[in-house]
Every structure is written in structure tokens, then in C-alpha cells.
Protein backbone atom coordinates (compact mmCIF):
# COMPACT_ATOMS: atom_id res chain seq x y z
CA GLY A 1 -118.20 94.25 -200.00
CA GLY A 2 -114.96 95.07 -198.27
CA ASP A 3 -111.41 95.40 -199.58
CA PRO A 4 -111.04 93.72 -203.01
CA ALA A 5 -108.03 91.81 -201.64
CA CYS A 6 -110.34 90.19 -199.13
CA GLN A 7 -112.77 88.75 -201.65
CA PRO A 8 -112.93 84.96 -201.53
CA GLY A 9 -111.23 82.93 -204.23
CA THR A 10 -112.82 80.36 -206.48
CA PRO A 11 -113.55 77.19 -204.50
CA GLN A 12 -111.78 74.12 -205.86
CA ALA A 13 -113.05 71.42 -203.51
CA GLY A 14 -115.14 70.69 -200.50
CA HIS A 15 -118.55 69.11 -200.58
CA ALA A 16 -119.37 68.22 -196.99
CA GLY A 17 -121.51 65.14 -196.46
CA ASN A 18 -124.53 66.71 -194.80
CA LEU A 19 -123.90 69.89 -196.78
CA SER A 20 -123.44 68.15 -200.12
CA THR A 21 -126.30 70.01 -201.83
CA GLN A 22 -124.33 73.22 -201.37
CA PRO A 23 -121.90 73.88 -204.24
CA ASP A 24 -119.42 76.26 -202.63
CA ILE A 25 -118.11 75.09 -199.27
CA ARG A 26 -115.24 77.36 -198.20
CA ALA A 27 -114.61 76.38 -194.61
CA ALA A 28 -111.94 74.87 -192.41
CA ALA A 29 -111.83 73.42 -188.93
CA VAL A 30 -109.09 74.98 -186.82
CA VAL A 31 -108.12 72.12 -184.50
CA TYR A 32 -106.55 72.71 -181.10
CA ARG A 33 -105.57 70.57 -178.14
CA ILE A 34 -107.43 71.22 -174.90
CA GLY A 35 -105.12 72.50 -172.19
CA GLU A 36 -102.73 74.16 -174.59
CA HIS A 37 -102.73 77.85 -175.29
CA ASP A 38 -102.60 77.74 -179.08
CA ARG A 39 -106.17 79.02 -179.45
CA ARG A 40 -104.77 82.53 -179.33
CA ALA A 41 -103.42 82.15 -182.87
CA LEU A 42 -106.93 82.37 -184.33
CA ILE A 43 -107.75 85.57 -182.43
CA ASP A 44 -104.41 87.12 -183.43
CA PHE A 45 -105.02 86.11 -187.05
CA ALA A 46 -108.48 87.69 -186.99
CA ARG A 47 -107.01 90.92 -185.66
CA GLU A 48 -104.34 90.84 -188.37
CA LEU A 49 -106.97 90.56 -191.10
CA ALA A 50 -109.15 93.27 -189.57
CA ASP A 51 -106.14 95.60 -189.42
CA GLY A 52 -105.62 94.87 -193.12
CA GLY A 53 -109.14 96.02 -193.99
CA CYS A 54 -111.01 92.72 -194.08
CA ARG A 55 -114.60 92.63 -192.85
CA LEU A 56 -115.01 89.94 -190.20
CA GLY A 57 -118.13 88.25 -188.87
CA GLY A 58 -118.81 85.68 -186.20
CA MET A 59 -117.31 85.48 -182.75
CA VAL A 60 -114.40 84.42 -180.58
CA GLN A 61 -114.29 83.64 -176.88
CA GLU A 62 -112.34 85.71 -174.39
CA ALA A 63 -111.52 84.59 -170.84
CA PHE A 64 -111.28 87.03 -167.93
CA PHE A 65 -109.25 86.50 -164.75
CA ASP A 66 -109.13 88.03 -161.27
CA GLU A 67 -106.02 89.29 -159.47
CA GLN A 68 -105.25 85.78 -158.21
CA GLY A 69 -105.27 84.42 -161.75
CA ARG A 70 -108.57 82.59 -161.34
CA ARG A 71 -110.89 82.65 -164.31
CA THR A 72 -113.93 84.78 -163.53
CA HIS A 73 -115.93 84.30 -166.74
CA ILE A 74 -115.82 83.77 -170.48
CA ASP A 75 -117.40 86.16 -172.97
CA SER A 76 -118.34 85.59 -176.58
CA VAL A 77 -117.05 88.61 -178.51
CA ASP A 78 -118.79 89.71 -181.71
CA LEU A 79 -116.04 90.31 -184.28
CA ALA A 80 -118.15 92.77 -186.27
CA THR A 81 -119.31 95.00 -183.41
CA GLY A 82 -117.05 94.23 -180.44
CA ASP A 83 -120.09 93.44 -178.29
CA HIS A 84 -119.62 90.95 -175.43
CA VAL A 85 -122.03 88.27 -174.17
CA MET A 86 -121.08 86.37 -171.01
CA ILE A 87 -121.54 82.66 -171.72
CA ASN A 88 -119.66 80.94 -168.91
CA GLN A 89 -118.81 81.62 -165.28
CA PRO A 90 -117.50 79.59 -162.32
CA SER A 91 -120.12 77.45 -160.62
CA ARG A 92 -121.22 78.28 -157.09
CA LEU A 93 -119.85 74.93 -155.93
CA PHE A 94 -116.43 75.56 -157.46
CA PRO A 95 -115.70 79.30 -157.21
CA ASP A 96 -111.99 78.68 -157.88
CA GLY A 97 -112.79 78.73 -161.58
CA LYS A 98 -111.93 75.09 -162.24
CA GLU A 99 -115.55 74.15 -162.83
CA CYS A 100 -117.76 76.46 -164.87
CA THR A 101 -121.44 76.86 -165.57
CA LEU A 102 -122.44 77.32 -169.19
CA ASP A 103 -125.32 79.72 -169.78
CA THR A 104 -127.10 77.98 -172.65
CA SER A 105 -129.55 80.84 -173.21
CA ALA A 106 -126.63 83.27 -173.46
CA LEU A 107 -124.98 80.84 -175.87
CA ALA A 108 -128.05 81.15 -178.10
CA ASP A 109 -127.60 84.95 -178.02
CA ALA A 110 -123.92 84.42 -178.85
CA GLY A 111 -125.02 82.88 -182.15
CA ALA A 112 -126.46 86.20 -183.32
CA PRO A 113 -123.19 87.28 -185.04
CA LEU A 114 -123.29 84.11 -187.15
CA ARG A 115 -126.91 84.71 -188.14
CA ARG A 116 -126.11 88.33 -189.00
CA ALA A 117 -123.18 87.18 -191.16
CA LEU A 118 -125.67 85.46 -193.47
CA ILE A 119 -127.09 88.92 -194.20
CA ASP A 120 -123.94 91.06 -194.02
CA GLN A 121 -121.75 88.68 -196.08
CA PRO A 122 -118.40 89.54 -194.43
CA ASP A 123 -115.08 88.59 -196.02
CA LEU A 124 -114.44 85.92 -193.36
CA VAL A 125 -116.56 84.35 -190.62
CA ILE A 126 -114.95 82.92 -187.48
CA ALA A 127 -116.83 80.67 -185.08
CA GLU A 128 -115.45 79.74 -181.68
CA LYS A 129 -116.30 76.97 -181.21
CA PHE A 130 -117.67 73.52 -182.05
CA GLY A 131 -117.62 72.19 -178.48
CA GLU A 132 -119.63 69.90 -176.22
CA GLN A 133 -122.99 71.62 -176.84
CA GLU A 134 -122.45 71.62 -180.59
CA GLU A 135 -121.52 67.92 -180.56
CA ILE A 136 -125.09 67.14 -179.45
CA GLY A 137 -126.61 69.53 -181.98
CA ALA A 138 -127.18 72.36 -179.51
CA GLY A 139 -125.37 75.64 -178.86
CA LEU A 140 -124.00 77.19 -182.05
CA ALA A 141 -124.25 74.02 -184.17
CA TYR A 142 -127.12 75.14 -186.42
CA ASP A 143 -125.71 78.65 -186.91
CA ILE A 144 -122.23 77.32 -187.75
CA LEU A 145 -123.58 74.88 -190.34
CA ALA A 146 -125.85 77.53 -191.85
CA VAL A 147 -122.91 79.87 -192.46
CA ILE A 148 -120.82 77.08 -193.99
CA ALA A 149 -123.72 75.96 -196.21
CA ALA A 150 -124.14 79.56 -197.43
CA GLY A 151 -120.64 79.37 -198.92
CA LEU A 152 -119.07 82.07 -196.75
CA PRO A 153 -115.33 81.66 -196.04
CA THR A 154 -115.47 80.27 -192.51
CA LEU A 155 -113.02 79.14 -189.84
CA VAL A 156 -114.45 77.05 -187.00
CA LEU A 157 -112.41 76.36 -183.86
CA VAL A 158 -112.73 72.65 -183.00
CA PRO A 159 -111.18 71.04 -179.90
CA GLY A 160 -109.44 67.75 -180.62
CA PRO A 161 -111.94 65.57 -178.71
CA ALA A 162 -114.83 67.01 -180.77
CA LEU A 163 -113.15 66.28 -184.10
CA PRO A 164 -114.79 62.86 -184.71
CA ARG A 165 -118.26 64.34 -184.21
CA TRP A 166 -117.36 67.36 -186.37
CA ARG A 167 -116.36 64.98 -189.16
CA ASP A 168 -119.63 63.09 -188.77
CA VAL A 169 -121.67 66.28 -189.00
CA THR A 170 -119.79 67.76 -191.95
CA GLY A 171 -119.07 64.57 -193.86
CA GLY A 172 -115.35 64.70 -193.10
CA GLU A 173 -114.53 66.66 -196.26
CA ILE A 174 -113.91 70.09 -194.77
CA ALA A 175 -110.26 71.13 -194.47
CA GLU A 176 -108.60 70.75 -191.06
CA LEU A 177 -105.87 73.14 -189.96
CA PRO A 178 -103.67 73.32 -186.89
CA CYS A 179 -104.28 76.42 -184.78
CA GLU A 180 -101.09 78.06 -186.00
CA THR A 181 -100.75 81.44 -187.64
CA ASP A 182 -98.79 80.19 -190.65
CA ALA A 183 -101.40 77.53 -191.46
CA LEU A 184 -104.21 80.10 -191.17
CA ARG A 185 -102.34 82.50 -193.46
CA ARG A 186 -101.78 79.80 -196.07
CA TRP A 187 -105.49 78.91 -196.04
CA TRP A 188 -106.45 82.56 -196.35
CA ARG A 189 -104.06 83.17 -199.27
CA TRP A 190 -105.86 80.37 -201.10
CA TRP A 191 -109.43 81.34 -200.23
CA GLY A 192 -109.03 85.06 -199.86
CA ARG A 193 -106.66 85.81 -202.74
CA THR A 194 -104.74 88.01 -200.34
CA SER A 195 -101.31 88.14 -198.81
CA VAL A 196 -101.01 88.56 -195.07
CA SER A 197 -97.70 89.94 -193.92
CA GLY A 198 -95.40 87.67 -191.98
């Protein structure tokens, strides 16, 4: 479905180790450095594609701050519906926002957009992120791998420290991109057979 320009291209490579029985792997890790604010590029890119008529699935994370600039919580935002699920908030011991408590049950709910993408078959799936929970096989790990194995065009945000484990899980044969708009556009032109302005 969706705009013809958003239909995925013909895959040329990419058999991930643990996913090697799947013929059409069309995924990339979008690697960012913790502490830097380059994660925004993926969200901006997703908005750019949506504005161009592409059907998106999956989720991104959005941080919220109080008037003093302290982080109050983090939501997982469903890219298909706009629904929010709070997954992280400051711990009672550290209300300044420097230490946060992850709600693992909410994180399971946050995986619903990925599971729905398997049914809805959007033009592109975005998963933020393959983090500490996913490194140990929890959190969104199963849902992320299921979407990739299904052959859906998928971008997964991966923090630098999690990259070795990501490579272990995927066989190290999935493309890795910097979290920069130009790199994301180039990848999409290849996989999506579309041209994004800019």
C-alpha cells in the first residue's frame, strides 16, 4: 500500500547471521553517540517521509522537560497513530532527572507498533531503540528482529555502546548508518526508490 514512490526497492544484499533463513533483509542500524543530540535526525527524517506520503510504522522516543529544563519523562510515540506510552521517568531517589526508572511493562506495550507493522506492512518501520534491555534479549528485541526478518524496510536506532551486541544478534551483515539526514536519505533512495528533497 501507500504512495508508489514509497514502495521498497529490490534487495541486493543483507543476510543477517541469525536471520539468514530470511531472503529479503532490508534494514539498517542508525548508530548514534550517547550524549550527543544527533538522534533528532531520525525523527526529522521520519516526519519528512510522512509529509511526502509514506506510510510509517514503529516508534520513536520523545523526551519531555519541565520549566527548569529537567527531564520529566520519556514517551514512546507510535508513528502510525501518534499514540504515546510513557516508558521512563526520573527515579524517586534522583528527581533531578539524571537517573531514570524504566517501566519494563510499558516497554512491552511500546512494542505494539512493531507487532502491528507485521500486519499493516507500512512503507518504512522505525524502531527506537536497540538499547540496554534489548542487548539482553528483553524490551523490544524480539519485535525488532521479527520486523527485520519479515523483510520490511526498517531503521533501528542503535547507541554506539550497544553496537557489538547488535552485530552479534544480527550477524553483523546489516547496514550501519550514521544518524545524519543525508545518510538516511541515501539509504532510502536505494531501498525506497524515492527521492527525498534536500
